[in-house]
Amino acid sequence: QSHILFLMLMCVIDIFDRSSERTSSSHSLPVDCSEYRRLERGRPIYCEKLYQPFCGSDGKTYNNKCSFCKAVLKSRGTLRMKQAGVC
């Protein structure tokens, strides 16, 4: 009986976690900027001129992931991606 109760509890926790992920992702989308964090230590980050726009939570359109991640680092992680594409 204790095993069944434990499994039921785990299912409820899983459902709660999934529903909170859906609500939080409507506000911002995850972007992995870790590759740029490694370069940040005192060196400028130069971005290619590739145009694949990112819309930031600040309402600004960034040309690509690199320029968006530079802004994320500058904001100390407060900037989030609102959507892929132009704002």
N, C-alpha and C. Protein backbone atom coordinates (compact mmCIF):
# COMPACT_ATOMS: atom_id res chain seq x y z
N GLN A 1 0.82 -1.20 0.00
CA GLN A 1 0.00 0.00 0.00
C GLN A 1 0.85 1.26 0.00
N SER A 2 1.94 1.25 0.75
CA SER A 2 2.78 2.44 0.80
C SER A 2 3.43 2.71 -0.56
N HIS A 3 3.68 1.64 -1.33
CA HIS A 3 4.25 1.83 -2.67
C HIS A 3 3.25 2.51 -3.60
N ILE A 4 2.01 2.13 -3.50
CA ILE A 4 0.97 2.73 -4.34
C ILE A 4 0.78 4.20 -3.98
N LEU A 5 0.76 4.49 -2.70
CA LEU A 5 0.63 5.87 -2.25
C LEU A 5 1.81 6.71 -2.73
N PHE A 6 3.00 6.16 -2.66
CA PHE A 6 4.20 6.85 -3.12
C PHE A 6 4.10 7.14 -4.63
N LEU A 7 3.68 6.16 -5.42
CA LEU A 7 3.55 6.34 -6.86
C LEU A 7 2.50 7.39 -7.20
N MET A 8 1.40 7.39 -6.46
CA MET A 8 0.36 8.39 -6.69
C MET A 8 0.89 9.79 -6.38
N LEU A 9 1.64 9.92 -5.31
CA LEU A 9 2.22 11.20 -4.94
C LEU A 9 3.19 11.68 -6.01
N MET A 10 4.00 10.78 -6.53
CA MET A 10 4.95 11.14 -7.58
C MET A 10 4.22 11.62 -8.84
N CYS A 11 3.11 10.98 -9.18
CA CYS A 11 2.32 11.39 -10.35
C CYS A 11 1.76 12.79 -10.15
N VAL A 12 1.25 13.09 -8.98
CA VAL A 12 0.70 14.41 -8.69
C VAL A 12 1.80 15.46 -8.79
N ILE A 13 2.98 15.17 -8.25
CA ILE A 13 4.11 16.11 -8.33
C ILE A 13 4.51 16.33 -9.78
N ASP A 14 4.55 15.28 -10.58
CA ASP A 14 4.92 15.39 -11.99
C ASP A 14 3.91 16.25 -12.75
N ILE A 15 2.64 16.05 -12.50
CA ILE A 15 1.60 16.86 -13.16
C ILE A 15 1.74 18.32 -12.77
N PHE A 16 1.99 18.59 -11.50
CA PHE A 16 2.17 19.97 -11.04
C PHE A 16 3.37 20.61 -11.71
N ASP A 17 4.50 19.90 -11.79
CA ASP A 17 5.70 20.43 -12.43
C ASP A 17 5.46 20.75 -13.90
N ARG A 18 4.78 19.88 -14.60
CA ARG A 18 4.52 20.10 -16.02
C ARG A 18 3.61 21.29 -16.24
N SER A 19 2.61 21.47 -15.38
CA SER A 19 1.71 22.62 -15.56
C SER A 19 2.43 23.92 -15.26
N SER A 20 3.35 23.94 -14.31
CA SER A 20 4.08 25.17 -14.02
C SER A 20 5.07 25.48 -15.14
N GLU A 21 5.61 24.47 -15.82
CA GLU A 21 6.50 24.71 -16.96
C GLU A 21 5.74 25.37 -18.09
N ARG A 22 4.50 24.93 -18.33
CA ARG A 22 3.70 25.52 -19.41
C ARG A 22 3.40 26.98 -19.14
N THR A 23 3.05 27.32 -17.92
CA THR A 23 2.70 28.71 -17.62
C THR A 23 3.93 29.60 -17.66
N SER A 24 5.08 29.12 -17.18
CA SER A 24 6.27 29.96 -17.19
C SER A 24 6.84 30.12 -18.59
N SER A 25 6.69 29.10 -19.45
CA SER A 25 7.25 29.20 -20.79
C SER A 25 6.47 30.16 -21.67
N SER A 26 5.24 30.52 -21.27
CA SER A 26 4.48 31.48 -22.07
C SER A 26 5.07 32.88 -21.92
N HIS A 27 5.88 33.11 -20.88
CA HIS A 27 6.49 34.41 -20.66
C HIS A 27 7.88 34.51 -21.27
N SER A 28 8.63 33.43 -21.25
CA SER A 28 9.97 33.44 -21.82
C SER A 28 10.35 32.05 -22.27
N LEU A 29 11.23 31.99 -23.23
CA LEU A 29 11.70 30.72 -23.77
C LEU A 29 13.16 30.54 -23.40
N PRO A 30 13.57 29.32 -23.10
CA PRO A 30 14.97 29.10 -22.72
C PRO A 30 15.92 29.22 -23.92
N VAL A 31 17.04 29.85 -23.69
CA VAL A 31 18.10 29.95 -24.69
C VAL A 31 19.40 29.61 -23.97
N ASP A 32 20.16 28.69 -24.53
CA ASP A 32 21.43 28.29 -23.94
C ASP A 32 22.53 29.25 -24.40
N CYS A 33 22.97 30.10 -23.49
CA CYS A 33 24.04 31.06 -23.81
C CYS A 33 25.36 30.66 -23.17
N SER A 34 25.48 29.43 -22.73
CA SER A 34 26.69 28.99 -22.01
C SER A 34 27.95 29.10 -22.85
N GLU A 35 27.85 28.90 -24.15
CA GLU A 35 29.05 28.99 -25.00
C GLU A 35 29.61 30.41 -25.02
N TYR A 36 28.76 31.40 -24.85
CA TYR A 36 29.20 32.80 -24.84
C TYR A 36 29.70 33.20 -23.45
N ARG A 37 29.18 32.59 -22.42
CA ARG A 37 29.64 32.87 -21.06
C ARG A 37 31.11 32.53 -20.90
N ARG A 38 31.54 31.45 -21.55
CA ARG A 38 32.94 31.04 -21.47
C ARG A 38 33.86 32.07 -22.12
N LEU A 39 33.36 32.76 -23.13
CA LEU A 39 34.17 33.74 -23.85
C LEU A 39 34.18 35.10 -23.16
N GLU A 40 33.27 35.31 -22.23
CA GLU A 40 33.05 36.62 -21.65
C GLU A 40 34.24 37.16 -20.84
N ARG A 41 35.00 36.34 -20.24
CA ARG A 41 36.04 36.73 -19.28
C ARG A 41 37.04 37.75 -19.84
N GLY A 42 36.62 39.00 -19.90
CA GLY A 42 37.52 40.06 -20.31
C GLY A 42 37.74 40.21 -21.80
N ARG A 43 37.16 39.34 -22.58
CA ARG A 43 37.35 39.41 -24.03
C ARG A 43 36.05 39.83 -24.71
N PRO A 44 36.15 40.66 -25.75
CA PRO A 44 34.93 41.02 -26.48
C PRO A 44 34.39 39.81 -27.25
N ILE A 45 33.08 39.76 -27.39
CA ILE A 45 32.44 38.70 -28.16
C ILE A 45 32.05 39.30 -29.51
N TYR A 46 32.59 38.75 -30.58
CA TYR A 46 32.26 39.20 -31.93
C TYR A 46 31.25 38.25 -32.54
N CYS A 47 30.17 38.80 -33.07
CA CYS A 47 29.10 37.99 -33.65
C CYS A 47 29.14 38.04 -35.16
N GLU A 48 28.79 36.92 -35.79
CA GLU A 48 28.69 36.88 -37.24
C GLU A 48 27.48 37.69 -37.69
N LYS A 49 27.40 37.99 -38.96
CA LYS A 49 26.33 38.83 -39.48
C LYS A 49 25.12 38.02 -39.95
N LEU A 50 24.99 36.83 -39.45
CA LEU A 50 23.85 35.96 -39.75
C LEU A 50 22.57 36.57 -39.19
N TYR A 51 21.49 36.58 -39.98
CA TYR A 51 20.23 37.15 -39.50
C TYR A 51 19.24 36.03 -39.20
N GLN A 52 19.10 35.72 -37.93
CA GLN A 52 18.11 34.79 -37.41
C GLN A 52 17.57 35.43 -36.14
N PRO A 53 16.57 36.33 -36.28
CA PRO A 53 16.17 37.21 -35.19
C PRO A 53 15.61 36.52 -33.95
N PHE A 54 15.89 37.15 -32.81
CA PHE A 54 15.39 36.75 -31.50
C PHE A 54 14.68 37.97 -30.92
N CYS A 55 13.50 37.78 -30.37
CA CYS A 55 12.78 38.86 -29.72
C CYS A 55 13.03 38.76 -28.22
N GLY A 56 13.61 39.81 -27.65
CA GLY A 56 13.91 39.83 -26.23
C GLY A 56 12.74 40.32 -25.40
N SER A 57 12.78 40.00 -24.11
CA SER A 57 11.73 40.44 -23.19
C SER A 57 11.73 41.95 -23.02
N ASP A 58 12.77 42.61 -23.51
CA ASP A 58 12.85 44.08 -23.48
C ASP A 58 12.18 44.72 -24.69
N GLY A 59 11.59 43.88 -25.57
CA GLY A 59 10.91 44.39 -26.76
C GLY A 59 11.83 44.68 -27.93
N LYS A 60 13.11 44.37 -27.79
CA LYS A 60 14.08 44.63 -28.85
C LYS A 60 14.31 43.36 -29.66
N THR A 61 14.47 43.52 -30.98
CA THR A 61 14.80 42.40 -31.84
C THR A 61 16.32 42.32 -31.98
N TYR A 62 16.88 41.16 -31.68
CA TYR A 62 18.33 40.93 -31.80
C TYR A 62 18.57 40.15 -33.09
N ASN A 63 19.65 40.47 -33.79
CA ASN A 63 19.92 39.88 -35.10
C ASN A 63 20.07 38.36 -35.09
N ASN A 64 20.66 37.82 -34.02
CA ASN A 64 20.90 36.37 -33.95
C ASN A 64 21.16 35.97 -32.50
N LYS A 65 21.41 34.69 -32.30
CA LYS A 65 21.63 34.17 -30.96
C LYS A 65 22.82 34.83 -30.28
N CYS A 66 23.87 35.06 -31.02
CA CYS A 66 25.07 35.66 -30.45
C CYS A 66 24.78 37.06 -29.90
N SER A 67 24.13 37.91 -30.71
CA SER A 67 23.84 39.26 -30.23
C SER A 67 22.84 39.23 -29.07
N PHE A 68 21.90 38.29 -29.10
CA PHE A 68 20.96 38.14 -27.99
C PHE A 68 21.70 37.71 -26.72
N CYS A 69 22.59 36.74 -26.84
CA CYS A 69 23.33 36.25 -25.67
C CYS A 69 24.27 37.32 -25.10
N LYS A 70 24.85 38.13 -25.95
CA LYS A 70 25.66 39.25 -25.46
C LYS A 70 24.81 40.16 -24.57
N ALA A 71 23.59 40.44 -25.02
CA ALA A 71 22.69 41.29 -24.24
C ALA A 71 22.26 40.60 -22.94
N VAL A 72 22.07 39.27 -23.00
CA VAL A 72 21.73 38.51 -21.79
C VAL A 72 22.86 38.64 -20.76
N LEU A 73 24.10 38.47 -21.22
CA LEU A 73 25.25 38.58 -20.32
C LEU A 73 25.35 39.99 -19.74
N LYS A 74 25.11 40.99 -20.56
CA LYS A 74 25.18 42.38 -20.11
C LYS A 74 24.09 42.67 -19.06
N SER A 75 22.92 42.03 -19.23
CA SER A 75 21.81 42.24 -18.30
C SER A 75 21.94 41.38 -17.04
N ARG A 76 23.02 40.60 -16.98
CA ARG A 76 23.26 39.66 -15.87
C ARG A 76 22.12 38.64 -15.72
N GLY A 77 21.60 38.22 -16.86
CA GLY A 77 20.60 37.15 -16.88
C GLY A 77 19.16 37.60 -16.74
N THR A 78 18.89 38.90 -16.67
CA THR A 78 17.50 39.33 -16.51
C THR A 78 16.75 39.34 -17.84
N LEU A 79 17.46 39.49 -18.95
CA LEU A 79 16.84 39.47 -20.27
C LEU A 79 16.46 38.04 -20.63
N ARG A 80 15.27 37.87 -21.17
CA ARG A 80 14.77 36.56 -21.60
C ARG A 80 14.33 36.64 -23.05
N MET A 81 14.18 35.48 -23.68
CA MET A 81 13.68 35.46 -25.05
C MET A 81 12.16 35.36 -25.00
N LYS A 82 11.51 36.33 -25.61
CA LYS A 82 10.04 36.35 -25.66
C LYS A 82 9.54 35.41 -26.74
N GLN A 83 10.18 35.44 -27.91
CA GLN A 83 9.81 34.57 -29.02
C GLN A 83 10.94 34.51 -30.02
N ALA A 84 10.90 33.47 -30.84
CA ALA A 84 11.85 33.40 -31.96
C ALA A 84 11.29 34.28 -33.06
N GLY A 85 12.16 35.05 -33.69
CA GLY A 85 11.73 35.94 -34.75
C GLY A 85 11.70 37.39 -34.30
N VAL A 86 11.14 38.23 -35.15
CA VAL A 86 11.07 39.67 -34.91
C VAL A 86 10.03 39.97 -33.85
N CYS A 87 10.30 40.97 -33.03
CA CYS A 87 9.32 41.38 -31.98
C CYS A 87 8.08 41.98 -32.61
